[in-house]
Every structure is written in structure tokens, then in C-alpha cells.
Amino acid sequence: ISSNYYRVVVINFEESLQDQTNQQLSDDRSNLSYEWLKKQLNQQFKH
């Protein structure tokens, strides 16, 4: 949308050595993080 305020927040999840060596686990965490963030978006951050 048109605005005079834009700000980027980069979000990462804490990865253990197991996460880094297990692609399935890392993908699952990533997908669930996105689902959770999307669910919270409308409640906390308008636009």
C-alpha cells in the first residue's frame, strides 16, 4: 500500500546441528513458523 513508513523485520528460527543436517526437520520448522506468523499477522500488525 501507499505509505511513508516501511520497515523490514527479518525472522529466523534457532537451528541446532540436527536442524542443519536434517532437511526434513528444517523444512517442517520453516513451514510451521510461517503458518504461525501468518496466523498472528492480522491480530498484531495492520497492513
ModelCIF file with pLDDT and N, C-alpha, C, O atoms, coordinates in Angstrom:
data_MODEL
#
_entry.id   MODEL 
#
_entity.id                         1 
_entity.type                       polymer 
_entity.pdbx_number_of_molecules   1 
#
_entity_poly.entity_id                      1 
_entity_poly.type                           'polypeptide(L)' 
_entity_poly.nstd_linkage                   no 
_entity_poly.nstd_monomer                   no 
_entity_poly.pdbx_seq_one_letter_code       ISSNYYRVVVINFEESLQDQTNQQLSDDRSNLSYEWLKKQLNQQFKH 
_entity_poly.pdbx_seq_one_letter_code_can   ISSNYYRVVVINFEESLQDQTNQQLSDDRSNLSYEWLKKQLNQQFKH 
_entity_poly.pdbx_strand_id                 A 
#
loop_
_entity_poly_seq.entity_id 
_entity_poly_seq.num 
_entity_poly_seq.mon_id 
_entity_poly_seq.hetero 
1 1  ILE n 
1 2  SER n 
1 3  SER n 
1 4  ASN n 
1 5  TYR n 
1 6  TYR n 
1 7  ARG n 
1 8  VAL n 
1 9  VAL n 
1 10 VAL n 
1 11 ILE n 
1 12 ASN n 
1 13 PHE n 
1 14 GLU n 
1 15 GLU n 
1 16 SER n 
1 17 LEU n 
1 18 GLN n 
1 19 ASP n 
1 20 GLN n 
1 21 THR n 
1 22 ASN n 
1 23 GLN n 
1 24 GLN n 
1 25 LEU n 
1 26 SER n 
1 27 ASP n 
1 28 ASP n 
1 29 ARG n 
1 30 SER n 
1 31 ASN n 
1 32 LEU n 
1 33 SER n 
1 34 TYR n 
1 35 GLU n 
1 36 TRP n 
1 37 LEU n 
1 38 LYS n 
1 39 LYS n 
1 40 GLN n 
1 41 LEU n 
1 42 ASN n 
1 43 GLN n 
1 44 GLN n 
1 45 PHE n 
1 46 LYS n 
1 47 HIS n 
#
_struct_asym.id          A 
_struct_asym.entity_id   1 
#
loop_
_ma_qa_metric.id 
_ma_qa_metric.mode 
_ma_qa_metric.name 
_ma_qa_metric.software_group_id 
_ma_qa_metric.type 
1 global pLDDT . pLDDT 
2 local  pLDDT . pLDDT 
#
_ma_qa_metric_global.metric_id      1 
_ma_qa_metric_global.metric_value   82.15 
_ma_qa_metric_global.model_id       1 
_ma_qa_metric_global.ordinal_id     1 
#
loop_
_ma_qa_metric_local.label_asym_id 
_ma_qa_metric_local.label_comp_id 
_ma_qa_metric_local.label_seq_id 
_ma_qa_metric_local.metric_id 
_ma_qa_metric_local.metric_value 
_ma_qa_metric_local.model_id 
_ma_qa_metric_local.ordinal_id 
A ILE 1  2 93.00 1 1  
A SER 2  2 92.00 1 2  
A SER 3  2 92.00 1 3  
A ASN 4  2 91.00 1 4  
A TYR 5  2 93.00 1 5  
A TYR 6  2 94.00 1 6  
A ARG 7  2 94.00 1 7  
A VAL 8  2 95.00 1 8  
A VAL 9  2 96.00 1 9  
A VAL 10 2 96.00 1 10 
A ILE 11 2 94.00 1 11 
A ASN 12 2 92.00 1 12 
A PHE 13 2 87.00 1 13 
A GLU 14 2 81.00 1 14 
A GLU 15 2 70.00 1 15 
A SER 16 2 62.00 1 16 
A LEU 17 2 53.00 1 17 
A GLN 18 2 54.00 1 18 
A ASP 19 2 56.00 1 19 
A GLN 20 2 57.00 1 20 
A THR 21 2 62.00 1 21 
A ASN 22 2 70.00 1 22 
A GLN 23 2 74.00 1 23 
A GLN 24 2 74.00 1 24 
A LEU 25 2 77.00 1 25 
A SER 26 2 79.00 1 26 
A ASP 27 2 80.00 1 27 
A ASP 28 2 81.00 1 28 
A ARG 29 2 82.00 1 29 
A SER 30 2 84.00 1 30 
A ASN 31 2 85.00 1 31 
A LEU 32 2 86.00 1 32 
A SER 33 2 86.00 1 33 
A TYR 34 2 88.00 1 34 
A GLU 35 2 88.00 1 35 
A TRP 36 2 89.00 1 36 
A LEU 37 2 89.00 1 37 
A LYS 38 2 88.00 1 38 
A LYS 39 2 85.00 1 39 
A GLN 40 2 86.00 1 40 
A LEU 41 2 82.00 1 41 
A ASN 42 2 76.00 1 42 
A GLN 43 2 81.00 1 43 
A GLN 44 2 85.00 1 44 
A PHE 45 2 89.00 1 45 
A LYS 46 2 85.00 1 46 
A HIS 47 2 88.00 1 47 
#
loop_
_atom_site.group_PDB 
_atom_site.id 
_atom_site.type_symbol 
_atom_site.label_atom_id 
_atom_site.label_alt_id 
_atom_site.label_comp_id 
_atom_site.label_asym_id 
_atom_site.label_entity_id 
_atom_site.label_seq_id 
_atom_site.pdbx_PDB_ins_code 
_atom_site.Cartn_x 
_atom_site.Cartn_y 
_atom_site.Cartn_z 
_atom_site.occupancy 
_atom_site.B_iso_or_equiv 
_atom_site.pdbx_formal_charge 
_atom_site.auth_seq_id 
_atom_site.auth_comp_id 
_atom_site.auth_asym_id 
_atom_site.auth_atom_id 
_atom_site.pdbx_PDB_model_num 
ATOM 1   N N  . ILE A 1 1  ? 0.845  -1.198  0.000  1.00 93.00 ? 1  ILE A N  1 
ATOM 2   C CA . ILE A 1 1  ? 0.000  0.000   0.000  1.00 93.00 ? 1  ILE A CA 1 
ATOM 3   C C  . ILE A 1 1  ? 0.887  1.256   0.000  1.00 93.00 ? 1  ILE A C  1 
ATOM 4   O O  . ILE A 1 1  ? 2.082  1.195   0.286  1.00 93.00 ? 1  ILE A O  1 
ATOM 5   N N  . SER A 1 2  ? 0.269  2.381   -0.326 1.00 92.00 ? 2  SER A N  1 
ATOM 6   C CA . SER A 1 2  ? 0.989  3.660   -0.312 1.00 92.00 ? 2  SER A CA 1 
ATOM 7   C C  . SER A 1 2  ? 1.159  4.113   1.139  1.00 92.00 ? 2  SER A C  1 
ATOM 8   O O  . SER A 1 2  ? 0.189  4.186   1.893  1.00 92.00 ? 2  SER A O  1 
ATOM 9   N N  . SER A 1 3  ? 2.399  4.416   1.518  1.00 92.00 ? 3  SER A N  1 
ATOM 10  C CA . SER A 1 3  ? 2.678  4.823   2.886  1.00 92.00 ? 3  SER A CA 1 
ATOM 11  C C  . SER A 1 3  ? 3.996  5.579   2.907  1.00 92.00 ? 3  SER A C  1 
ATOM 12  O O  . SER A 1 3  ? 4.800  5.467   1.981  1.00 92.00 ? 3  SER A O  1 
ATOM 13  N N  . ASN A 1 4  ? 4.211  6.340   3.957  1.00 91.00 ? 4  ASN A N  1 
ATOM 14  C CA . ASN A 1 4  ? 5.518  6.995   4.145  1.00 91.00 ? 4  ASN A CA 1 
ATOM 15  C C  . ASN A 1 4  ? 6.322  6.285   5.229  1.00 91.00 ? 4  ASN A C  1 
ATOM 16  O O  . ASN A 1 4  ? 7.298  6.821   5.754  1.00 91.00 ? 4  ASN A O  1 
ATOM 17  N N  . TYR A 1 5  ? 5.886  5.055   5.555  1.00 93.00 ? 5  TYR A N  1 
ATOM 18  C CA . TYR A 1 5  ? 6.577  4.263   6.575  1.00 93.00 ? 5  TYR A CA 1 
ATOM 19  C C  . TYR A 1 5  ? 6.644  2.803   6.111  1.00 93.00 ? 5  TYR A C  1 
ATOM 20  O O  . TYR A 1 5  ? 5.610  2.157   5.936  1.00 93.00 ? 5  TYR A O  1 
ATOM 21  N N  . TYR A 1 6  ? 7.833  2.300   5.918  1.00 94.00 ? 6  TYR A N  1 
ATOM 22  C CA . TYR A 1 6  ? 8.061  0.881   5.622  1.00 94.00 ? 6  TYR A CA 1 
ATOM 23  C C  . TYR A 1 6  ? 9.230  0.426   6.489  1.00 94.00 ? 6  TYR A C  1 
ATOM 24  O O  . TYR A 1 6  ? 10.205 1.153   6.675  1.00 94.00 ? 6  TYR A O  1 
ATOM 25  N N  . ARG A 1 7  ? 9.113  -0.788  7.012  1.00 94.00 ? 7  ARG A N  1 
ATOM 26  C CA . ARG A 1 7  ? 10.198 -1.304  7.849  1.00 94.00 ? 7  ARG A CA 1 
ATOM 27  C C  . ARG A 1 7  ? 10.235 -2.823  7.742  1.00 94.00 ? 7  ARG A C  1 
ATOM 28  O O  . ARG A 1 7  ? 9.196  -3.483  7.786  1.00 94.00 ? 7  ARG A O  1 
ATOM 29  N N  . VAL A 1 8  ? 11.436 -3.370  7.600  1.00 95.00 ? 8  VAL A N  1 
ATOM 30  C CA . VAL A 1 8  ? 11.589 -4.815  7.412  1.00 95.00 ? 8  VAL A CA 1 
ATOM 31  C C  . VAL A 1 8  ? 12.084 -5.461  8.702  1.00 95.00 ? 8  VAL A C  1 
ATOM 32  O O  . VAL A 1 8  ? 13.047 -5.006  9.319  1.00 95.00 ? 8  VAL A O  1 
ATOM 33  N N  . VAL A 1 9  ? 11.393 -6.540  9.092  1.00 96.00 ? 9  VAL A N  1 
ATOM 34  C CA . VAL A 1 9  ? 11.823 -7.373  10.212 1.00 96.00 ? 9  VAL A CA 1 
ATOM 35  C C  . VAL A 1 9  ? 12.165 -8.752  9.644  1.00 96.00 ? 9  VAL A C  1 
ATOM 36  O O  . VAL A 1 9  ? 11.282 -9.451  9.147  1.00 96.00 ? 9  VAL A O  1 
ATOM 37  N N  . VAL A 1 10 ? 13.429 -9.146  9.714  1.00 96.00 ? 10 VAL A N  1 
ATOM 38  C CA . VAL A 1 10 ? 13.837 -10.470 9.257  1.00 96.00 ? 10 VAL A CA 1 
ATOM 39  C C  . VAL A 1 10 ? 13.675 -11.451 10.414 1.00 96.00 ? 10 VAL A C  1 
ATOM 40  O O  . VAL A 1 10 ? 14.149 -11.202 11.522 1.00 96.00 ? 10 VAL A O  1 
ATOM 41  N N  . ILE A 1 11 ? 13.001 -12.568 10.144 1.00 94.00 ? 11 ILE A N  1 
ATOM 42  C CA . ILE A 1 11 ? 12.675 -13.541 11.186 1.00 94.00 ? 11 ILE A CA 1 
ATOM 43  C C  . ILE A 1 11 ? 13.372 -14.863 10.869 1.00 94.00 ? 11 ILE A C  1 
ATOM 44  O O  . ILE A 1 11 ? 13.237 -15.396 9.768  1.00 94.00 ? 11 ILE A O  1 
ATOM 45  N N  . ASN A 1 12 ? 14.096 -15.371 11.817 1.00 92.00 ? 12 ASN A N  1 
ATOM 46  C CA . ASN A 1 12 ? 14.721 -16.689 11.648 1.00 92.00 ? 12 ASN A CA 1 
ATOM 47  C C  . ASN A 1 12 ? 14.432 -17.540 12.873 1.00 92.00 ? 12 ASN A C  1 
ATOM 48  O O  . ASN A 1 12 ? 14.174 -17.013 13.955 1.00 92.00 ? 12 ASN A O  1 
ATOM 49  N N  . PHE A 1 13 ? 14.477 -18.876 12.701 1.00 87.00 ? 13 PHE A N  1 
ATOM 50  C CA . PHE A 1 13 ? 14.312 -19.742 13.861 1.00 87.00 ? 13 PHE A CA 1 
ATOM 51  C C  . PHE A 1 13 ? 15.660 -20.353 14.212 1.00 87.00 ? 13 PHE A C  1 
ATOM 52  O O  . PHE A 1 13 ? 16.511 -20.588 13.354 1.00 87.00 ? 13 PHE A O  1 
ATOM 53  N N  . GLU A 1 14 ? 15.817 -20.597 15.493 1.00 81.00 ? 14 GLU A N  1 
ATOM 54  C CA . GLU A 1 14 ? 17.087 -21.096 16.018 1.00 81.00 ? 14 GLU A CA 1 
ATOM 55  C C  . GLU A 1 14 ? 17.306 -22.515 15.516 1.00 81.00 ? 14 GLU A C  1 
ATOM 56  O O  . GLU A 1 14 ? 16.482 -23.397 15.757 1.00 81.00 ? 14 GLU A O  1 
ATOM 57  N N  . GLU A 1 15 ? 18.408 -22.734 14.822 1.00 70.00 ? 15 GLU A N  1 
ATOM 58  C CA . GLU A 1 15 ? 18.698 -24.041 14.247 1.00 70.00 ? 15 GLU A CA 1 
ATOM 59  C C  . GLU A 1 15 ? 19.802 -24.735 15.036 1.00 70.00 ? 15 GLU A C  1 
ATOM 60  O O  . GLU A 1 15 ? 20.870 -24.170 15.270 1.00 70.00 ? 15 GLU A O  1 
ATOM 61  N N  . SER A 1 16 ? 19.521 -25.971 15.439 1.00 62.00 ? 16 SER A N  1 
ATOM 62  C CA . SER A 1 16 ? 20.542 -26.789 16.074 1.00 62.00 ? 16 SER A CA 1 
ATOM 63  C C  . SER A 1 16 ? 21.329 -27.509 14.990 1.00 62.00 ? 16 SER A C  1 
ATOM 64  O O  . SER A 1 16 ? 21.012 -27.398 13.805 1.00 62.00 ? 16 SER A O  1 
ATOM 65  N N  . LEU A 1 17 ? 22.347 -28.239 15.394 1.00 53.00 ? 17 LEU A N  1 
ATOM 66  C CA . LEU A 1 17 ? 23.135 -29.014 14.430 1.00 53.00 ? 17 LEU A CA 1 
ATOM 67  C C  . LEU A 1 17 ? 22.253 -30.049 13.749 1.00 53.00 ? 17 LEU A C  1 
ATOM 68  O O  . LEU A 1 17 ? 22.445 -30.355 12.572 1.00 53.00 ? 17 LEU A O  1 
ATOM 69  N N  . GLN A 1 18 ? 21.273 -30.597 14.496 1.00 54.00 ? 18 GLN A N  1 
ATOM 70  C CA . GLN A 1 18 ? 20.354 -31.570 13.915 1.00 54.00 ? 18 GLN A CA 1 
ATOM 71  C C  . GLN A 1 18 ? 19.517 -30.937 12.821 1.00 54.00 ? 18 GLN A C  1 
ATOM 72  O O  . GLN A 1 18 ? 19.283 -31.552 11.781 1.00 54.00 ? 18 GLN A O  1 
ATOM 73  N N  . ASP A 1 19 ? 19.057 -29.690 13.050 1.00 56.00 ? 19 ASP A N  1 
ATOM 74  C CA . ASP A 1 19 ? 18.279 -28.988 12.029 1.00 56.00 ? 19 ASP A CA 1 
ATOM 75  C C  . ASP A 1 19 ? 19.091 -28.829 10.749 1.00 56.00 ? 19 ASP A C  1 
ATOM 76  O O  . ASP A 1 19 ? 18.592 -29.060 9.647  1.00 56.00 ? 19 ASP A O  1 
ATOM 77  N N  . GLN A 1 20 ? 20.356 -28.430 10.913 1.00 57.00 ? 20 GLN A N  1 
ATOM 78  C CA . GLN A 1 20 ? 21.187 -28.115 9.759  1.00 57.00 ? 20 GLN A CA 1 
ATOM 79  C C  . GLN A 1 20 ? 21.506 -29.350 8.938  1.00 57.00 ? 20 GLN A C  1 
ATOM 80  O O  . GLN A 1 20 ? 21.723 -29.251 7.730  1.00 57.00 ? 20 GLN A O  1 
ATOM 81  N N  . THR A 1 21 ? 21.539 -30.521 9.578  1.00 62.00 ? 21 THR A N  1 
ATOM 82  C CA . THR A 1 21 ? 21.870 -31.753 8.859  1.00 62.00 ? 21 THR A CA 1 
ATOM 83  C C  . THR A 1 21 ? 20.638 -32.539 8.451  1.00 62.00 ? 21 THR A C  1 
ATOM 84  O O  . THR A 1 21 ? 20.759 -33.536 7.739  1.00 62.00 ? 21 THR A O  1 
ATOM 85  N N  . ASN A 1 22 ? 19.460 -32.120 8.880  1.00 70.00 ? 22 ASN A N  1 
ATOM 86  C CA . ASN A 1 22 ? 18.223 -32.836 8.554  1.00 70.00 ? 22 ASN A CA 1 
ATOM 87  C C  . ASN A 1 22 ? 17.299 -31.890 7.801  1.00 70.00 ? 22 ASN A C  1 
ATOM 88  O O  . ASN A 1 22 ? 16.650 -31.035 8.404  1.00 70.00 ? 22 ASN A O  1 
ATOM 89  N N  . GLN A 1 23 ? 17.243 -32.045 6.484  1.00 74.00 ? 23 GLN A N  1 
ATOM 90  C CA . GLN A 1 23 ? 16.470 -31.137 5.645  1.00 74.00 ? 23 GLN A CA 1 
ATOM 91  C C  . GLN A 1 23 ? 14.986 -31.191 5.963  1.00 74.00 ? 23 GLN A C  1 
ATOM 92  O O  . GLN A 1 23 ? 14.310 -30.162 5.962  1.00 74.00 ? 23 GLN A O  1 
ATOM 93  N N  . GLN A 1 24 ? 14.464 -32.414 6.241  1.00 74.00 ? 24 GLN A N  1 
ATOM 94  C CA . GLN A 1 24 ? 13.032 -32.557 6.534  1.00 74.00 ? 24 GLN A CA 1 
ATOM 95  C C  . GLN A 1 24 ? 12.647 -31.791 7.792  1.00 74.00 ? 24 GLN A C  1 
ATOM 96  O O  . GLN A 1 24 ? 11.628 -31.100 7.819  1.00 74.00 ? 24 GLN A O  1 
ATOM 97  N N  . LEU A 1 25 ? 13.466 -31.916 8.833  1.00 77.00 ? 25 LEU A N  1 
ATOM 98  C CA . LEU A 1 25 ? 13.186 -31.210 10.085 1.00 77.00 ? 25 LEU A CA 1 
ATOM 99  C C  . LEU A 1 25 ? 13.249 -29.702 9.874  1.00 77.00 ? 25 LEU A C  1 
ATOM 100 O O  . LEU A 1 25 ? 12.407 -28.962 10.382 1.00 77.00 ? 25 LEU A O  1 
ATOM 101 N N  . SER A 1 26 ? 14.251 -29.249 9.122  1.00 79.00 ? 26 SER A N  1 
ATOM 102 C CA . SER A 1 26 ? 14.407 -27.819 8.871  1.00 79.00 ? 26 SER A CA 1 
ATOM 103 C C  . SER A 1 26 ? 13.221 -27.287 8.065  1.00 79.00 ? 26 SER A C  1 
ATOM 104 O O  . SER A 1 26 ? 12.710 -26.204 8.352  1.00 79.00 ? 26 SER A O  1 
ATOM 105 N N  . ASP A 1 27 ? 12.781 -28.048 7.057  1.00 80.00 ? 27 ASP A N  1 
ATOM 106 C CA . ASP A 1 27 ? 11.630 -27.636 6.243  1.00 80.00 ? 27 ASP A CA 1 
ATOM 107 C C  . ASP A 1 27 ? 10.358 -27.581 7.090  1.00 80.00 ? 27 ASP A C  1 
ATOM 108 O O  . ASP A 1 27 ? 9.556  -26.657 6.957  1.00 80.00 ? 27 ASP A O  1 
ATOM 109 N N  . ASP A 1 28 ? 10.181 -28.579 7.965  1.00 81.00 ? 28 ASP A N  1 
ATOM 110 C CA . ASP A 1 28 ? 8.991  -28.607 8.820  1.00 81.00 ? 28 ASP A CA 1 
ATOM 111 C C  . ASP A 1 28 ? 8.958  -27.387 9.744  1.00 81.00 ? 28 ASP A C  1 
ATOM 112 O O  . ASP A 1 28 ? 7.918  -26.746 9.903  1.00 81.00 ? 28 ASP A O  1 
ATOM 113 N N  . ARG A 1 29 ? 10.091 -27.079 10.341 1.00 82.00 ? 29 ARG A N  1 
ATOM 114 C CA . ARG A 1 29 ? 10.150 -25.912 11.227 1.00 82.00 ? 29 ARG A CA 1 
ATOM 115 C C  . ARG A 1 29 ? 9.840  -24.636 10.447 1.00 82.00 ? 29 ARG A C  1 
ATOM 116 O O  . ARG A 1 29 ? 9.130  -23.755 10.932 1.00 82.00 ? 29 ARG A O  1 
ATOM 117 N N  . SER A 1 30 ? 10.382 -24.550 9.236  1.00 84.00 ? 30 SER A N  1 
ATOM 118 C CA . SER A 1 30 ? 10.164 -23.357 8.423  1.00 84.00 ? 30 SER A CA 1 
ATOM 119 C C  . SER A 1 30 ? 8.681  -23.213 8.063  1.00 84.00 ? 30 SER A C  1 
ATOM 120 O O  . SER A 1 30 ? 8.112  -22.130 8.201  1.00 84.00 ? 30 SER A O  1 
ATOM 121 N N  . ASN A 1 31 ? 8.059  -24.296 7.607  1.00 85.00 ? 31 ASN A N  1 
ATOM 122 C CA . ASN A 1 31 ? 6.647  -24.247 7.225  1.00 85.00 ? 31 ASN A CA 1 
ATOM 123 C C  . ASN A 1 31 ? 5.759  -23.879 8.414  1.00 85.00 ? 31 ASN A C  1 
ATOM 124 O O  . ASN A 1 31 ? 4.834  -23.078 8.282  1.00 85.00 ? 31 ASN A O  1 
ATOM 125 N N  . LEU A 1 32 ? 6.047  -24.468 9.572  1.00 86.00 ? 32 LEU A N  1 
ATOM 126 C CA . LEU A 1 32 ? 5.224  -24.190 10.748 1.00 86.00 ? 32 LEU A CA 1 
ATOM 127 C C  . LEU A 1 32 ? 5.453  -22.773 11.270 1.00 86.00 ? 32 LEU A C  1 
ATOM 128 O O  . LEU A 1 32 ? 4.529  -22.127 11.764 1.00 86.00 ? 32 LEU A O  1 
ATOM 129 N N  . SER A 1 33 ? 6.692  -22.299 11.156 1.00 86.00 ? 33 SER A N  1 
ATOM 130 C CA . SER A 1 33 ? 6.965  -20.913 11.560 1.00 86.00 ? 33 SER A CA 1 
ATOM 131 C C  . SER A 1 33 ? 6.140  -19.960 10.706 1.00 86.00 ? 33 SER A C  1 
ATOM 132 O O  . SER A 1 33 ? 5.559  -19.004 11.219 1.00 86.00 ? 33 SER A O  1 
ATOM 133 N N  . TYR A 1 34 ? 6.091  -20.222 9.400  1.00 88.00 ? 34 TYR A N  1 
ATOM 134 C CA . TYR A 1 34 ? 5.325  -19.358 8.501  1.00 88.00 ? 34 TYR A CA 1 
ATOM 135 C C  . TYR A 1 34 ? 3.836  -19.404 8.857  1.00 88.00 ? 34 TYR A C  1 
ATOM 136 O O  . TYR A 1 34 ? 3.175  -18.367 8.910  1.00 88.00 ? 34 TYR A O  1 
ATOM 137 N N  . GLU A 1 35 ? 3.311  -20.617 9.100  1.00 88.00 ? 35 GLU A N  1 
ATOM 138 C CA . GLU A 1 35 ? 1.890  -20.735 9.436  1.00 88.00 ? 35 GLU A CA 1 
ATOM 139 C C  . GLU A 1 35 ? 1.567  -19.964 10.710 1.00 88.00 ? 35 GLU A C  1 
ATOM 140 O O  . GLU A 1 35 ? 0.540  -19.289 10.795 1.00 88.00 ? 35 GLU A O  1 
ATOM 141 N N  . TRP A 1 36 ? 2.450  -20.069 11.698 1.00 89.00 ? 36 TRP A N  1 
ATOM 142 C CA . TRP A 1 36 ? 2.213  -19.368 12.964 1.00 89.00 ? 36 TRP A CA 1 
ATOM 143 C C  . TRP A 1 36 ? 2.266  -17.857 12.775 1.00 89.00 ? 36 TRP A C  1 
ATOM 144 O O  . TRP A 1 36 ? 1.408  -17.132 13.278 1.00 89.00 ? 36 TRP A O  1 
ATOM 145 N N  . LEU A 1 37 ? 3.274  -17.387 12.049 1.00 89.00 ? 37 LEU A N  1 
ATOM 146 C CA . LEU A 1 37 ? 3.435  -15.954 11.820 1.00 89.00 ? 37 LEU A CA 1 
ATOM 147 C C  . LEU A 1 37 ? 2.252  -15.399 11.032 1.00 89.00 ? 37 LEU A C  1 
ATOM 148 O O  . LEU A 1 37 ? 1.751  -14.318 11.338 1.00 89.00 ? 37 LEU A O  1 
ATOM 149 N N  . LYS A 1 38 ? 1.811  -16.135 10.025 1.00 88.00 ? 38 LYS A N  1 
ATOM 150 C CA . LYS A 1 38 ? 0.676  -15.692 9.221  1.00 88.00 ? 38 LYS A CA 1 
ATOM 151 C C  . LYS A 1 38 ? -0.590 -15.586 10.080 1.00 88.00 ? 38 LYS A C  1 
ATOM 152 O O  . LYS A 1 38 ? -1.391 -14.665 9.923  1.00 88.00 ? 38 LYS A O  1 
ATOM 153 N N  . LYS A 1 39 ? -0.746 -16.545 10.986 1.00 85.00 ? 39 LYS A N  1 
ATOM 154 C CA . LYS A 1 39 ? -1.911 -16.545 11.871 1.00 85.00 ? 39 LYS A CA 1 
ATOM 155 C C  . LYS A 1 39 ? -1.903 -15.322 12.788 1.00 85.00 ? 39 LYS A C  1 
ATOM 156 O O  . LYS A 1 39 ? -2.958 -14.763 13.090 1.00 85.00 ? 39 LYS A O  1 
ATOM 157 N N  . GLN A 1 40 ? -0.700 -14.902 13.236 1.00 86.00 ? 40 GLN A N  1 
ATOM 158 C CA . GLN A 1 40 ? -0.591 -13.781 14.162 1.00 86.00 ? 40 GLN A CA 1 
ATOM 159 C C  . GLN A 1 40 ? -0.618 -12.423 13.469 1.00 86.00 ? 40 GLN A C  1 
ATOM 160 O O  . GLN A 1 40 ? -0.841 -11.397 14.112 1.00 86.00 ? 40 GLN A O  1 
ATOM 161 N N  . LEU A 1 41 ? -0.390 -12.418 12.156 1.00 82.00 ? 41 LEU A N  1 
ATOM 162 C CA . LEU A 1 41 ? -0.177 -11.175 11.424 1.00 82.00 ? 41 LEU A CA 1 
ATOM 163 C C  . LEU A 1 41 ? -1.350 -10.200 11.562 1.00 82.00 ? 41 LEU A C  1 
ATOM 164 O O  . LEU A 1 41 ? -1.173 -9.043  11.944 1.00 82.00 ? 41 LEU A O  1 
ATOM 165 N N  . ASN A 1 42 ? -2.543 -10.692 11.246 1.00 76.00 ? 42 ASN A N  1 
ATOM 166 C CA . ASN A 1 42 ? -3.718 -9.807  11.265 1.00 76.00 ? 42 ASN A CA 1 
ATOM 167 C C  . ASN A 1 42 ? -4.048 -9.325  12.669 1.00 76.00 ? 42 ASN A C  1 
ATOM 168 O O  . ASN A 1 42 ? -4.611 -8.245  12.847 1.00 76.00 ? 42 ASN A O  1 
ATOM 169 N N  . GLN A 1 43 ? -3.690 -10.140 13.676 1.00 81.00 ? 43 GLN A N  1 
ATOM 170 C CA . GLN A 1 43 ? -4.009 -9.755  15.054 1.00 81.00 ? 43 GLN A CA 1 
ATOM 171 C C  . GLN A 1 43 ? -3.080 -8.659  15.562 1.00 81.00 ? 43 GLN A C  1 
ATOM 172 O O  . GLN A 1 43 ? -3.501 -7.814  16.352 1.00 81.00 ? 43 GLN A O  1 
ATOM 173 N N  . GLN A 1 44 ? -1.826 -8.659  15.122 1.00 85.00 ? 44 GLN A N  1 
ATOM 174 C CA . GLN A 1 44 ? -0.827 -7.769  15.717 1.00 85.00 ? 44 GLN A CA 1 
ATOM 175 C C  . GLN A 1 44 ? -0.401 -6.613  14.810 1.00 85.00 ? 44 GLN A C  1 
ATOM 176 O O  . GLN A 1 44 ? -0.067 -5.541  15.314 1.00 85.00 ? 44 GLN A O  1 
ATOM 177 N N  . PHE A 1 45 ? -0.402 -6.802  13.490 1.00 89.00 ? 45 PHE A N  1 
ATOM 178 C CA . PHE A 1 45 ? 0.184  -5.810  12.588 1.00 89.00 ? 45 PHE A CA 1 
ATOM 179 C C  . PHE A 1 45 ? -0.772 -5.485  11.437 1.00 89.00 ? 45 PHE A C  1 
ATOM 180 O O  . PHE A 1 45 ? -0.905 -6.265  10.494 1.00 89.00 ? 45 PHE A O  1 
ATOM 181 N N  . LYS A 1 46 ? -1.430 -4.336  11.522 1.00 85.00 ? 46 LYS A N  1 
ATOM 182 C CA . LYS A 1 46 ? -2.310 -3.915  10.452 1.00 85.00 ? 46 LYS A CA 1 
ATOM 183 C C  . LYS A 1 46 ? -1.471 -3.584  9.218  1.00 85.00 ? 46 LYS A C  1 
ATOM 184 O O  . LYS A 1 46 ? -0.495 -2.838  9.298  1.00 85.00 ? 46 LYS A O  1 
ATOM 185 N N  . HIS A 1 47 ? -1.864 -4.144  8.085  1.00 88.00 ? 47 HIS A N  1 
ATOM 186 C CA . HIS A 1 47 ? -1.166 -3.966  6.811  1.00 88.00 ? 47 HIS A CA 1 
ATOM 187 C C  . HIS A 1 47 ? 0.241  -4.588  6.808  1.00 88.00 ? 47 HIS A C  1 
ATOM 188 O O  . HIS A 1 47 ? 0.946  -4.516  5.802  1.00 88.00 ? 47 HIS A O  1 
#
